[in-house]
C-alpha cells in the first residue's frame, strides 16, 4: 500500500509511515482508491504523490484538477487542500477516424443555402483530438412563467378584426377612398397592442439536467449551451483505455465554481426554452438546484478554419459524433 499523505510505498501491515510518520491504523487510509474526504496535501504544494500508485505529480500554475499519467487517478484542489476525485468517468472514443470527422465537419460547414461552398473557401489551421475534463452537474430547474393566454387573445383579436372590418367597409362606402381601411387598420393595431396587457396565464416548466461544465477556463469554446453527453456510454476512468498519443487535459475549474456556473447556464437555458414555447412573456423566474457532480473525460475533436479572415471553430463529440459547438457559421 501507499501512504496517502506523502505517497511512500509501505508494507501492507504497516501501522505508521516510515517517512512522514502518519498513523495508518485507520481503515479508510488503507483503502484504495482514496476515500472521499482525506486531504492529500496542503494548499500551495508544488509536488505530491499520486494517492493510488505513488507516482510523482507536479501541478502547473493554476491547475486544480490533475490526472496521474501512470494510473489515471485524479485529484482536485479545493479550499482545504488536494483531495481525491471519487466520481471519475470517461466516454469511450468511437469516432477516431480523422478523415470521417473532417467529412462531417465539411458537411456541417456547407449546410444551408447561405453556407454553400464555405468549406471550399476555408483553410484548415488546426485540428486535434484530446480528452477534455467536464464537471457533470446534476441540476433540477423549475421555471414559473406568466404570459399572455394566446388562445383567449387570438379569439378576442379575431372578433375585433371582424367587427372592425364591418365598420371599415361601411365607413369606406360612405366616405370613399382609403379612410375606412386606414381607420380599421389603426383600430386593429391598437387592439393588438392592448392585448399585451390582456389575459394572463401562469405556466410551470420543470426540467432535469446532467449539465456539462468544461473544466478549463481557456477552453470557453468547448462549453455547450444545450448539449448532453451520452452518459449511458460512460465507464470508470481507465488511463489504459485512452489511445496512445491522445492527450488527457488537466483542469483549472474547481467543483464549487462548476456548480455556480451550472446554475447560471441552466437558468439561461430555461429562459431560452420558455421563449421558444410561450409568447408575450410578462414574468419569468427560475430556481435551480444542483446536487451531485462527477468528473467526466470526453474525447473531443477540435478544428479551426479561416474563411476569408473569419474564424470558424467546430467541436465534435468523439463518442457520439454530436456537434457540441459551431462558432463562426
C-alpha atoms as a PDB file:
ATOM      1  CA  UNK A   1       0.000   0.000   0.000  1.00  0.00           C
ATOM      2  CA  UNK A   2       0.939   3.687  -0.168  1.00  0.00           C
ATOM      3  CA  UNK A   3       0.865   6.466   2.387  1.00  0.00           C
ATOM      4  CA  UNK A   4      -1.899   8.841   1.320  1.00  0.00           C
ATOM      5  CA  UNK A   5      -0.081  11.813   2.798  1.00  0.00           C
ATOM      6  CA  UNK A   6       3.345  11.525   1.188  1.00  0.00           C
ATOM      7  CA  UNK A   7       2.882   8.645  -1.309  1.00  0.00           C
ATOM      8  CA  UNK A   8       5.639   6.415   0.093  1.00  0.00           C
ATOM      9  CA  UNK A   9       5.220   2.706  -0.703  1.00  0.00           C
ATOM     10  CA  UNK A  10       4.809   0.691   2.513  1.00  0.00           C
ATOM     11  CA  UNK A  11       4.268  -2.918   3.605  1.00  0.00           C
ATOM     12  CA  UNK A  12       0.606  -3.928   3.707  1.00  0.00           C
ATOM     13  CA  UNK A  13       0.719  -4.390   7.507  1.00  0.00           C
ATOM     14  CA  UNK A  14       2.397  -1.032   8.229  1.00  0.00           C
ATOM     15  CA  UNK A  15       0.926   0.961  11.115  1.00  0.00           C
ATOM     16  CA  UNK A  16       2.950   4.165  10.658  1.00  0.00           C
ATOM     17  CA  UNK A  17       4.517   5.689   7.559  1.00  0.00           C
ATOM     18  CA  UNK A  18       8.271   5.303   7.914  1.00  0.00           C
ATOM     19  CA  UNK A  19       8.850   8.570   6.033  1.00  0.00           C
ATOM     20  CA  UNK A  20       6.339  11.082   7.374  1.00  0.00           C
ATOM     21  CA  UNK A  21       5.052   9.261  10.475  1.00  0.00           C
ATOM     22  CA  UNK A  22       1.369   9.279   9.533  1.00  0.00           C
ATOM     23  CA  UNK A  23      -0.755   6.854  11.572  1.00  0.00           C
ATOM     24  CA  UNK A  24      -2.119   4.241   9.159  1.00  0.00           C
ATOM     25  CA  UNK A  25      -4.343   2.310  11.562  1.00  0.00           C
ATOM     26  CA  UNK A  26      -7.460   3.997  10.248  1.00  0.00           C
ATOM     27  CA  UNK A  27      -9.033   1.518   7.843  1.00  0.00           C
ATOM     28  CA  UNK A  28     -10.003   4.337   5.500  1.00  0.00           C
ATOM     29  CA  UNK A  29      -6.364   5.210   4.919  1.00  0.00           C
ATOM     30  CA  UNK A  30      -5.641   1.657   3.822  1.00  0.00           C
ATOM     31  CA  UNK A  31      -8.431   1.550   1.268  1.00  0.00           C
ATOM     32  CA  UNK A  32      -7.861   2.075  -2.430  1.00  0.00           C
ATOM     33  CA  UNK A  33      -8.859   4.197  -4.188  1.00  0.00           C
ATOM     34  CA  UNK A  34      -8.607   7.056  -1.730  1.00  0.00           C
ATOM     35  CA  UNK A  35     -11.709   7.809   0.371  1.00  0.00           C
ATOM     36  CA  UNK A  36     -13.856  10.858  -0.268  1.00  0.00           C
ATOM     37  CA  UNK A  37     -12.593  13.134   2.480  1.00  0.00           C
ATOM     38  CA  UNK A  38      -8.850  12.815   3.159  1.00  0.00           C
ATOM     39  CA  UNK A  39      -6.646  15.794   2.466  1.00  0.00           C
ATOM     40  CA  UNK A  40      -3.709  14.503   0.484  1.00  0.00           C
ATOM     41  CA  UNK A  41      -1.597  17.646   0.508  1.00  0.00           C
ATOM     42  CA  UNK A  42      -1.930  21.216   1.787  1.00  0.00           C
ATOM     43  CA  UNK A  43      -2.603  24.287  -0.325  1.00  0.00           C
ATOM     44  CA  UNK A  44       0.353  25.673  -2.233  1.00  0.00           C
ATOM     45  CA  UNK A  45       2.163  22.369  -2.620  1.00  0.00           C
ATOM     46  CA  UNK A  46       4.419  22.199  -5.685  1.00  0.00           C
ATOM     47  CA  UNK A  47       4.868  18.423  -5.838  1.00  0.00           C
ATOM     48  CA  UNK A  48       2.934  15.476  -4.455  1.00  0.00           C
ATOM     49  CA  UNK A  49       2.446  11.756  -4.858  1.00  0.00           C
ATOM     50  CA  UNK A  50      -0.459  10.032  -6.588  1.00  0.00           C
ATOM     51  CA  UNK A  51      -2.708   8.610  -3.838  1.00  0.00           C
ATOM     52  CA  UNK A  52      -3.261   5.410  -5.818  1.00  0.00           C
ATOM     53  CA  UNK A  53       0.102   4.476  -7.310  1.00  0.00           C
ATOM     54  CA  UNK A  54       2.589   6.792  -5.582  1.00  0.00           C
ATOM     55  CA  UNK A  55       3.879   8.294  -8.830  1.00  0.00           C
ATOM     56  CA  UNK A  56       5.133  11.894  -8.642  1.00  0.00           C
ATOM     57  CA  UNK A  57       2.689  14.628  -9.705  1.00  0.00           C
ATOM     58  CA  UNK A  58       3.801  18.193 -10.329  1.00  0.00           C
ATOM     59  CA  UNK A  59       0.896  20.644 -10.624  1.00  0.00           C
ATOM     60  CA  UNK A  60       1.332  23.534 -13.032  1.00  0.00           C
ATOM     61  CA  UNK A  61       0.395  27.081 -12.091  1.00  0.00           C
ATOM     62  CA  UNK A  62      -3.369  27.453 -11.946  1.00  0.00           C
ATOM     63  CA  UNK A  63      -4.265  23.772 -12.271  1.00  0.00           C
ATOM     64  CA  UNK A  64      -6.982  22.476  -9.958  1.00  0.00           C
ATOM     65  CA  UNK A  65      -7.565  19.043 -11.481  1.00  0.00           C
ATOM     66  CA  UNK A  66      -4.590  16.747 -12.016  1.00  0.00           C
ATOM     67  CA  UNK A  67      -4.743  13.304 -13.619  1.00  0.00           C
ATOM     68  CA  UNK A  68      -1.943  10.852 -12.929  1.00  0.00           C
ATOM     69  CA  UNK A  69      -0.427   9.846 -16.255  1.00  0.00           C
ATOM     70  CA  UNK A  70       0.549   6.456 -14.828  1.00  0.00           C
ATOM     71  CA  UNK A  71      -2.643   5.122 -13.255  1.00  0.00           C
ATOM     72  CA  UNK A  72      -5.291   7.688 -14.264  1.00  0.00           C
ATOM     73  CA  UNK A  73      -6.404   8.673 -10.757  1.00  0.00           C
ATOM     74  CA  UNK A  74      -7.373  12.326 -10.393  1.00  0.00           C
ATOM     75  CA  UNK A  75      -7.054  14.780  -7.547  1.00  0.00           C
ATOM     76  CA  UNK A  76      -8.629  18.185  -7.203  1.00  0.00           C
ATOM     77  CA  UNK A  77      -7.659  21.287  -5.269  1.00  0.00           C
ATOM     78  CA  UNK A  78     -10.371  22.711  -3.031  1.00  0.00           C
ATOM     79  CA  UNK A  79     -10.289  25.215  -0.190  1.00  0.00           C
ATOM     80  CA  UNK A  80      -8.634  22.863   2.285  1.00  0.00           C
ATOM     81  CA  UNK A  81      -6.131  21.110   0.047  1.00  0.00           C
ATOM     82  CA  UNK A  82      -5.762  18.361  -2.515  1.00  0.00           C
ATOM     83  CA  UNK A  83      -8.401  15.611  -2.461  1.00  0.00           C
ATOM     84  CA  UNK A  84      -9.052  12.502  -4.488  1.00  0.00           C
ATOM     85  CA  UNK A  85     -11.821  12.737  -7.108  1.00  0.00           C
ATOM     86  CA  UNK A  86     -14.261   9.940  -6.334  1.00  0.00           C
ATOM     87  CA  UNK A  87     -16.682  10.042  -9.278  1.00  0.00           C
ATOM     88  CA  UNK A  88     -14.343   9.904 -12.243  1.00  0.00           C
ATOM     89  CA  UNK A  89     -15.583   8.547 -15.570  1.00  0.00           C
ATOM     90  CA  UNK A  90     -14.849   8.703 -19.271  1.00  0.00           C
ATOM     91  CA  UNK A  91     -16.599   8.321 -22.592  1.00  0.00           C
ATOM     92  CA  UNK A  92     -15.071   5.772 -24.978  1.00  0.00           C
ATOM     93  CA  UNK A  93     -13.662   7.088 -28.236  1.00  0.00           C
ATOM     94  CA  UNK A  94     -15.865   5.682 -31.006  1.00  0.00           C
ATOM     95  CA  UNK A  95     -15.095   8.125 -33.823  1.00  0.00           C
ATOM     96  CA  UNK A  96     -11.337   8.050 -34.159  1.00  0.00           C
ATOM     97  CA  UNK A  97     -11.065   8.279 -37.966  1.00  0.00           C
ATOM     98  CA  UNK A  98      -9.818  11.789 -38.759  1.00  0.00           C
ATOM     99  CA  UNK A  99     -10.982  11.671 -42.380  1.00  0.00           C
ATOM    100  CA  UNK A 100     -14.551  10.755 -41.381  1.00  0.00           C
ATOM    101  CA  UNK A 101     -14.651  13.531 -38.799  1.00  0.00           C
ATOM    102  CA  UNK A 102     -13.366  16.037 -41.358  1.00  0.00           C
ATOM    103  CA  UNK A 103     -16.063  14.923 -43.807  1.00  0.00           C
ATOM    104  CA  UNK A 104     -18.681  15.509 -41.102  1.00  0.00           C
ATOM    105  CA  UNK A 105     -17.236  18.960 -40.396  1.00  0.00           C
ATOM    106  CA  UNK A 106     -17.229  19.879 -44.084  1.00  0.00           C
ATOM    107  CA  UNK A 107     -20.863  18.827 -44.360  1.00  0.00           C
ATOM    108  CA  UNK A 108     -21.675  20.963 -41.341  1.00  0.00           C
ATOM    109  CA  UNK A 109     -19.887  23.988 -42.823  1.00  0.00           C
ATOM    110  CA  UNK A 110     -21.760  23.744 -46.131  1.00  0.00           C
ATOM    111  CA  UNK A 111     -25.179  23.083 -44.601  1.00  0.00           C
ATOM    112  CA  UNK A 112     -27.868  25.514 -45.708  1.00  0.00           C
ATOM    113  CA  UNK A 113     -28.217  27.776 -48.737  1.00  0.00           C
ATOM    114  CA  UNK A 114     -26.207  30.625 -47.224  1.00  0.00           C
ATOM    115  CA  UNK A 115     -23.261  28.336 -46.417  1.00  0.00           C
ATOM    116  CA  UNK A 116     -22.725  26.701 -49.790  1.00  0.00           C
ATOM    117  CA  UNK A 117     -19.040  26.346 -50.690  1.00  0.00           C
ATOM    118  CA  UNK A 118     -17.918  27.745 -47.315  1.00  0.00           C
ATOM    119  CA  UNK A 119     -15.670  24.737 -46.829  1.00  0.00           C
ATOM    120  CA  UNK A 120     -14.082  25.147 -50.271  1.00  0.00           C
ATOM    121  CA  UNK A 121     -13.114  28.734 -49.433  1.00  0.00           C
ATOM    122  CA  UNK A 122     -11.769  27.866 -45.979  1.00  0.00           C
ATOM    123  CA  UNK A 123      -8.300  26.883 -44.827  1.00  0.00           C
ATOM    124  CA  UNK A 124      -7.798  24.375 -42.015  1.00  0.00           C
ATOM    125  CA  UNK A 125      -5.489  25.976 -39.438  1.00  0.00           C
ATOM    126  CA  UNK A 126      -5.655  23.480 -36.570  1.00  0.00           C
ATOM    127  CA  UNK A 127      -7.193  20.108 -35.807  1.00  0.00           C
ATOM    128  CA  UNK A 128      -6.668  17.879 -32.789  1.00  0.00           C
ATOM    129  CA  UNK A 129      -8.239  15.225 -30.606  1.00  0.00           C
ATOM    130  CA  UNK A 130      -7.946  15.211 -26.813  1.00  0.00           C
ATOM    131  CA  UNK A 131      -9.736  14.012 -23.709  1.00  0.00           C
ATOM    132  CA  UNK A 132     -11.241  17.101 -22.094  1.00  0.00           C
ATOM    133  CA  UNK A 133     -12.440  17.146 -18.452  1.00  0.00           C
ATOM    134  CA  UNK A 134     -16.010  18.234 -17.706  1.00  0.00           C
ATOM    135  CA  UNK A 135     -17.795  18.537 -14.420  1.00  0.00           C
ATOM    136  CA  UNK A 136     -21.177  16.875 -14.886  1.00  0.00           C
ATOM    137  CA  UNK A 137     -23.502  18.737 -12.531  1.00  0.00           C
ATOM    138  CA  UNK A 138     -26.854  17.142 -11.697  1.00  0.00           C
ATOM    139  CA  UNK A 139     -29.333  20.028 -11.820  1.00  0.00           C
ATOM    140  CA  UNK A 140     -33.075  20.434 -11.461  1.00  0.00           C
ATOM    141  CA  UNK A 141     -34.797  23.610 -12.647  1.00  0.00           C
ATOM    142  CA  UNK A 142     -38.309  24.911 -12.083  1.00  0.00           C
ATOM    143  CA  UNK A 143     -39.404  27.953 -14.054  1.00  0.00           C
ATOM    144  CA  UNK A 144     -42.563  29.978 -13.365  1.00  0.00           C
ATOM    145  CA  UNK A 145     -43.843  31.859 -16.397  1.00  0.00           C
ATOM    146  CA  UNK A 146     -46.554  34.495 -16.634  1.00  0.00           C
ATOM    147  CA  UNK A 147     -47.547  35.025 -20.268  1.00  0.00           C
ATOM    148  CA  UNK A 148     -50.474  36.193 -22.340  1.00  0.00           C
ATOM    149  CA  UNK A 149     -53.059  33.465 -22.876  1.00  0.00           C
ATOM    150  CA  UNK A 150     -52.761  33.202 -26.638  1.00  0.00           C
ATOM    151  CA  UNK A 151     -55.957  31.169 -27.084  1.00  0.00           C
ATOM    152  CA  UNK A 152     -58.081  33.877 -25.452  1.00  0.00           C
ATOM    153  CA  UNK A 153     -56.067  36.626 -27.114  1.00  0.00           C
ATOM    154  CA  UNK A 154     -56.483  35.117 -30.585  1.00  0.00           C
ATOM    155  CA  UNK A 155     -60.239  34.857 -30.123  1.00  0.00           C
ATOM    156  CA  UNK A 156     -60.532  38.465 -28.981  1.00  0.00           C
ATOM    157  CA  UNK A 157     -58.394  39.733 -31.865  1.00  0.00           C
ATOM    158  CA  UNK A 158     -60.405  37.702 -34.413  1.00  0.00           C
ATOM    159  CA  UNK A 159     -63.689  39.053 -33.060  1.00  0.00           C
ATOM    160  CA  UNK A 160     -62.352  42.621 -33.007  1.00  0.00           C
ATOM    161  CA  UNK A 161     -60.961  42.259 -36.521  1.00  0.00           C
ATOM    162  CA  UNK A 162     -64.305  41.038 -37.849  1.00  0.00           C
ATOM    163  CA  UNK A 163     -66.149  43.920 -36.192  1.00  0.00           C
ATOM    164  CA  UNK A 164     -63.642  46.478 -37.449  1.00  0.00           C
ATOM    165  CA  UNK A 165     -63.884  45.007 -40.931  1.00  0.00           C
ATOM    166  CA  UNK A 166     -67.610  45.625 -40.992  1.00  0.00           C
ATOM    167  CA  UNK A 167     -67.174  49.161 -39.635  1.00  0.00           C
ATOM    168  CA  UNK A 168     -64.367  49.910 -42.033  1.00  0.00           C
ATOM    169  CA  UNK A 169     -66.378  48.771 -45.058  1.00  0.00           C
ATOM    170  CA  UNK A 170     -69.323  50.868 -44.018  1.00  0.00           C
ATOM    171  CA  UNK A 171     -67.215  53.965 -43.496  1.00  0.00           C
ATOM    172  CA  UNK A 172     -65.329  53.334 -46.696  1.00  0.00           C
ATOM    173  CA  UNK A 173     -68.599  53.158 -48.588  1.00  0.00           C
ATOM    174  CA  UNK A 174     -69.787  56.448 -47.152  1.00  0.00           C
ATOM    175  CA  UNK A 175     -66.547  58.397 -47.369  1.00  0.00           C
ATOM    176  CA  UNK A 176     -64.851  56.636 -50.241  1.00  0.00           C
ATOM    177  CA  UNK A 177     -61.102  56.264 -50.743  1.00  0.00           C
ATOM    178  CA  UNK A 178     -58.827  54.806 -48.067  1.00  0.00           C
ATOM    179  CA  UNK A 179     -60.404  56.360 -44.989  1.00  0.00           C
ATOM    180  CA  UNK A 180     -62.314  53.225 -43.984  1.00  0.00           C
ATOM    181  CA  UNK A 181     -59.442  50.697 -44.379  1.00  0.00           C
ATOM    182  CA  UNK A 182     -56.945  53.044 -42.709  1.00  0.00           C
ATOM    183  CA  UNK A 183     -59.208  53.564 -39.730  1.00  0.00           C
ATOM    184  CA  UNK A 184     -59.848  49.829 -39.470  1.00  0.00           C
ATOM    185  CA  UNK A 185     -56.133  49.075 -39.567  1.00  0.00           C
ATOM    186  CA  UNK A 186     -55.385  51.672 -36.907  1.00  0.00           C
ATOM    187  CA  UNK A 187     -58.089  50.295 -34.616  1.00  0.00           C
ATOM    188  CA  UNK A 188     -56.873  46.730 -35.104  1.00  0.00           C
ATOM    189  CA  UNK A 189     -53.269  47.737 -34.306  1.00  0.00           C
ATOM    190  CA  UNK A 190     -54.430  49.481 -31.149  1.00  0.00           C
ATOM    191  CA  UNK A 191     -56.365  46.390 -30.136  1.00  0.00           C
ATOM    192  CA  UNK A 192     -53.376  44.075 -30.651  1.00  0.00           C
ATOM    193  CA  UNK A 193     -51.092  46.372 -28.661  1.00  0.00           C
ATOM    194  CA  UNK A 194     -53.623  46.471 -25.878  1.00  0.00           C
ATOM    195  CA  UNK A 195     -53.557  42.684 -25.903  1.00  0.00           C
ATOM    196  CA  UNK A 196     -50.096  42.783 -24.402  1.00  0.00           C
ATOM    197  CA  UNK A 197     -51.792  43.714 -21.165  1.00  0.00           C
ATOM    198  CA  UNK A 198     -54.626  41.276 -21.797  1.00  0.00           C
ATOM    199  CA  UNK A 199     -55.484  37.912 -20.234  1.00  0.00           C
ATOM    200  CA  UNK A 200     -52.561  36.277 -18.422  1.00  0.00           C
ATOM    201  CA  UNK A 201     -51.868  32.680 -17.539  1.00  0.00           C
ATOM    202  CA  UNK A 202     -49.246  31.109 -15.285  1.00  0.00           C
ATOM    203  CA  UNK A 203     -47.216  28.150 -16.526  1.00  0.00           C
ATOM    204  CA  UNK A 204     -44.659  25.873 -14.877  1.00  0.00           C
ATOM    205  CA  UNK A 205     -41.728  24.325 -16.704  1.00  0.00           C
ATOM    206  CA  UNK A 206     -39.648  21.683 -14.896  1.00  0.00           C
ATOM    207  CA  UNK A 207     -36.508  20.074 -16.314  1.00  0.00           C
ATOM    208  CA  UNK A 208     -33.634  17.949 -15.037  1.00  0.00           C
ATOM    209  CA  UNK A 209     -30.145  18.118 -16.494  1.00  0.00           C
ATOM    210  CA  UNK A 210     -26.781  16.462 -16.220  1.00  0.00           C
ATOM    211  CA  UNK A 211     -25.209  19.733 -17.227  1.00  0.00           C
ATOM    212  CA  UNK A 212     -21.611  19.681 -18.523  1.00  0.00           C
ATOM    213  CA  UNK A 213     -19.206  22.423 -17.400  1.00  0.00           C
ATOM    214  CA  UNK A 214     -15.847  22.408 -19.149  1.00  0.00           C
ATOM    215  CA  UNK A 215     -13.122  22.308 -16.509  1.00  0.00           C
ATOM    216  CA  UNK A 216     -10.701  24.627 -18.319  1.00  0.00           C
ATOM    217  CA  UNK A 217     -11.217  28.382 -18.399  1.00  0.00           C
ATOM    218  CA  UNK A 218      -9.149  28.740 -21.584  1.00  0.00           C
ATOM    219  CA  UNK A 219     -11.449  26.365 -23.484  1.00  0.00           C
ATOM    220  CA  UNK A 220     -14.574  28.519 -23.409  1.00  0.00           C
ATOM    221  CA  UNK A 221     -15.438  27.422 -26.951  1.00  0.00           C
ATOM    222  CA  UNK A 222     -15.820  23.872 -25.580  1.00  0.00           C
ATOM    223  CA  UNK A 223     -18.656  24.984 -23.280  1.00  0.00           C
ATOM    224  CA  UNK A 224     -22.013  23.855 -24.697  1.00  0.00           C
ATOM    225  CA  UNK A 225     -25.231  25.788 -24.135  1.00  0.00           C
ATOM    226  CA  UNK A 226     -27.655  22.941 -24.719  1.00  0.00           C
ATOM    227  CA  UNK A 227     -25.784  19.680 -25.194  1.00  0.00           C
ATOM    228  CA  UNK A 228     -25.999  16.497 -23.203  1.00  0.00           C
ATOM    229  CA  UNK A 229     -23.268  13.856 -23.389  1.00  0.00           C
ATOM    230  CA  UNK A 230     -24.404  10.256 -23.805  1.00  0.00           C
ATOM    231  CA  UNK A 231     -23.781   9.307 -20.195  1.00  0.00           C
ATOM    232  CA  UNK A 232     -25.180   5.821 -20.753  1.00  0.00           C
ATOM    233  CA  UNK A 233     -21.917   5.101 -22.569  1.00  0.00           C
ATOM    234  CA  UNK A 234     -19.627   6.262 -19.793  1.00  0.00           C
ATOM    235  CA  UNK A 235     -17.302   3.909 -17.947  1.00  0.00           C
ATOM    236  CA  UNK A 236     -14.996   4.294 -14.970  1.00  0.00           C
ATOM    237  CA  UNK A 237     -11.923   6.237 -15.997  1.00  0.00           C
ATOM    238  CA  UNK A 238      -9.108   3.956 -17.095  1.00  0.00           C
ATOM    239  CA  UNK A 239      -5.979   5.575 -18.494  1.00  0.00           C
ATOM    240  CA  UNK A 240      -5.121   2.364 -20.354  1.00  0.00           C
ATOM    241  CA  UNK A 241      -8.274   2.807 -22.463  1.00  0.00           C
ATOM    242  CA  UNK A 242      -7.122   6.179 -23.769  1.00  0.00           C
ATOM    243  CA  UNK A 243      -5.412   5.541 -27.126  1.00  0.00           C
ATOM    244  CA  UNK A 244      -1.720   6.325 -27.157  1.00  0.00           C
ATOM    245  CA  UNK A 245      -0.822   9.756 -28.444  1.00  0.00           C
ATOM    246  CA  UNK A 246      -4.092  11.381 -27.344  1.00  0.00           C
ATOM    247  CA  UNK A 247      -3.560  13.971 -24.650  1.00  0.00           C
ATOM    248  CA  UNK A 248      -5.523  13.972 -21.393  1.00  0.00           C
ATOM    249  CA  UNK A 249      -6.002  17.574 -20.310  1.00  0.00           C
ATOM    250  CA  UNK A 250      -5.872  18.807 -16.720  1.00  0.00           C
ATOM    251  CA  UNK A 251      -8.325  21.422 -15.481  1.00  0.00           C
ATOM    252  CA  UNK A 252      -8.350  24.705 -13.599  1.00  0.00           C
ATOM    253  CA  UNK A 253     -12.054  24.959 -12.662  1.00  0.00           C
ATOM    254  CA  UNK A 254     -12.969  23.573  -9.254  1.00  0.00           C
ATOM    255  CA  UNK A 255     -16.124  21.713  -8.336  1.00  0.00           C
ATOM    256  CA  UNK A 256     -17.774  24.613  -6.491  1.00  0.00           C
ATOM    257  CA  UNK A 257     -17.079  27.022  -9.358  1.00  0.00           C
ATOM    258  CA  UNK A 258     -18.594  24.469 -11.746  1.00  0.00           C
ATOM    259  CA  UNK A 259     -21.765  24.268  -9.656  1.00  0.00           C
ATOM    260  CA  UNK A 260     -22.106  28.058  -9.689  1.00  0.00           C
ATOM    261  CA  UNK A 261     -21.622  28.180 -13.453  1.00  0.00           C
ATOM    262  CA  UNK A 262     -24.122  25.359 -13.963  1.00  0.00           C
ATOM    263  CA  UNK A 263     -26.792  27.321 -12.092  1.00  0.00           C
ATOM    264  CA  UNK A 264     -26.236  30.325 -14.365  1.00  0.00           C
ATOM    265  CA  UNK A 265     -26.254  28.345 -17.617  1.00  0.00           C
ATOM    266  CA  UNK A 266     -29.275  26.244 -16.649  1.00  0.00           C
ATOM    267  CA  UNK A 267     -31.138  29.474 -15.835  1.00  0.00           C
ATOM    268  CA  UNK A 268     -30.320  30.822 -19.322  1.00  0.00           C
ATOM    269  CA  UNK A 269     -31.321  27.545 -20.961  1.00  0.00           C
ATOM    270  CA  UNK A 270     -34.666  27.544 -19.179  1.00  0.00           C
ATOM    271  CA  UNK A 271     -35.252  31.118 -20.338  1.00  0.00           C
ATOM    272  CA  UNK A 272     -34.485  30.170 -23.955  1.00  0.00           C
ATOM    273  CA  UNK A 273     -36.867  27.219 -23.786  1.00  0.00           C
ATOM    274  CA  UNK A 274     -39.599  29.375 -22.257  1.00  0.00           C
ATOM    275  CA  UNK A 275     -39.348  31.984 -25.018  1.00  0.00           C
ATOM    276  CA  UNK A 276     -39.488  29.252 -27.655  1.00  0.00           C
ATOM    277  CA  UNK A 277     -42.670  27.817 -26.148  1.00  0.00           C
ATOM    278  CA  UNK A 278     -44.542  30.892 -24.935  1.00  0.00           C
ATOM    279  CA  UNK A 279     -45.214  34.336 -26.388  1.00  0.00           C
ATOM    280  CA  UNK A 280     -45.597  37.744 -24.757  1.00  0.00           C
ATOM    281  CA  UNK A 281     -43.931  36.654 -21.513  1.00  0.00           C
ATOM    282  CA  UNK A 282     -44.586  39.152 -18.729  1.00  0.00           C
ATOM    283  CA  UNK A 283     -42.686  37.480 -15.875  1.00  0.00           C
ATOM    284  CA  UNK A 284     -40.169  34.669 -15.681  1.00  0.00           C
ATOM    285  CA  UNK A 285     -38.457  33.222 -12.618  1.00  0.00           C
ATOM    286  CA  UNK A 286     -36.258  30.119 -12.374  1.00  0.00           C
ATOM    287  CA  UNK A 287     -34.987  28.245  -9.355  1.00  0.00           C
ATOM    288  CA  UNK A 288     -32.051  25.889  -9.953  1.00  0.00           C
ATOM    289  CA  UNK A 289     -30.891  23.231  -7.506  1.00  0.00           C
ATOM    290  CA  UNK A 290     -27.616  21.363  -8.005  1.00  0.00           C
ATOM    291  CA  UNK A 291     -26.642  18.157  -6.248  1.00  0.00           C
ATOM    292  CA  UNK A 292     -24.129  15.551  -7.334  1.00  0.00           C
ATOM    293  CA  UNK A 293     -21.123  16.099  -9.564  1.00  0.00           C
ATOM    294  CA  UNK A 294     -18.713  13.821 -11.341  1.00  0.00           C
ATOM    295  CA  UNK A 295     -15.595  14.381 -13.399  1.00  0.00           C
ATOM    296  CA  UNK A 296     -16.061  13.141 -16.963  1.00  0.00           C
ATOM    297  CA  UNK A 297     -13.318  12.921 -19.578  1.00  0.00           C
ATOM    298  CA  UNK A 298     -14.777  13.252 -23.078  1.00  0.00           C
ATOM    299  CA  UNK A 299     -12.908  12.659 -26.359  1.00  0.00           C
ATOM    300  CA  UNK A 300     -13.383  15.813 -28.414  1.00  0.00           C
ATOM    301  CA  UNK A 301     -12.330  16.803 -31.907  1.00  0.00           C
ATOM    302  CA  UNK A 302     -11.368  20.459 -32.323  1.00  0.00           C
ATOM    303  CA  UNK A 303     -10.939  22.176 -35.685  1.00  0.00           C
ATOM    304  CA  UNK A 304     -10.295  25.801 -36.575  1.00  0.00           C
ATOM    305  CA  UNK A 305     -10.692  27.139 -40.105  1.00  0.00           C
ATOM    306  CA  UNK A 306     -10.028  30.512 -41.645  1.00  0.00           C
ATOM    307  CA  UNK A 307     -12.766  31.670 -44.026  1.00  0.00           C
ATOM    308  CA  UNK A 308     -11.723  34.913 -45.684  1.00  0.00           C
ATOM    309  CA  UNK A 309     -10.367  36.291 -42.434  1.00  0.00           C
ATOM    310  CA  UNK A 310     -13.190  34.951 -40.285  1.00  0.00           C
ATOM    311  CA  UNK A 311     -12.518  32.119 -37.829  1.00  0.00           C
ATOM    312  CA  UNK A 312     -14.744  29.038 -37.823  1.00  0.00           C
ATOM    313  CA  UNK A 313     -14.407  26.703 -34.837  1.00  0.00           C
ATOM    314  CA  UNK A 314     -16.059  23.287 -34.686  1.00  0.00           C
ATOM    315  CA  UNK A 315     -16.155  20.952 -31.658  1.00  0.00           C
ATOM    316  CA  UNK A 316     -17.291  17.360 -32.307  1.00  0.00           C
ATOM    317  CA  UNK A 317     -18.004  14.687 -29.685  1.00  0.00           C
ATOM    318  CA  UNK A 318     -15.699  11.754 -30.425  1.00  0.00           C
ATOM    319  CA  UNK A 319     -18.066   9.400 -28.618  1.00  0.00           C
ATOM    320  CA  UNK A 320     -21.331  10.172 -30.420  1.00  0.00           C
ATOM    321  CA  UNK A 321     -20.178  12.454 -33.295  1.00  0.00           C
ATOM    322  CA  UNK A 322     -22.599  15.090 -31.977  1.00  0.00           C
ATOM    323  CA  UNK A 323     -21.843  18.766 -32.547  1.00  0.00           C
ATOM    324  CA  UNK A 324     -21.004  20.457 -29.273  1.00  0.00           C
ATOM    325  CA  UNK A 325     -20.323  23.878 -30.768  1.00  0.00           C
ATOM    326  CA  UNK A 326     -20.071  25.551 -34.159  1.00  0.00           C
ATOM    327  CA  UNK A 327     -18.701  29.064 -33.881  1.00  0.00           C
ATOM    328  CA  UNK A 328     -18.499  31.448 -36.820  1.00  0.00           C
ATOM    329  CA  UNK A 329     -21.010  29.711 -39.087  1.00  0.00           C
END
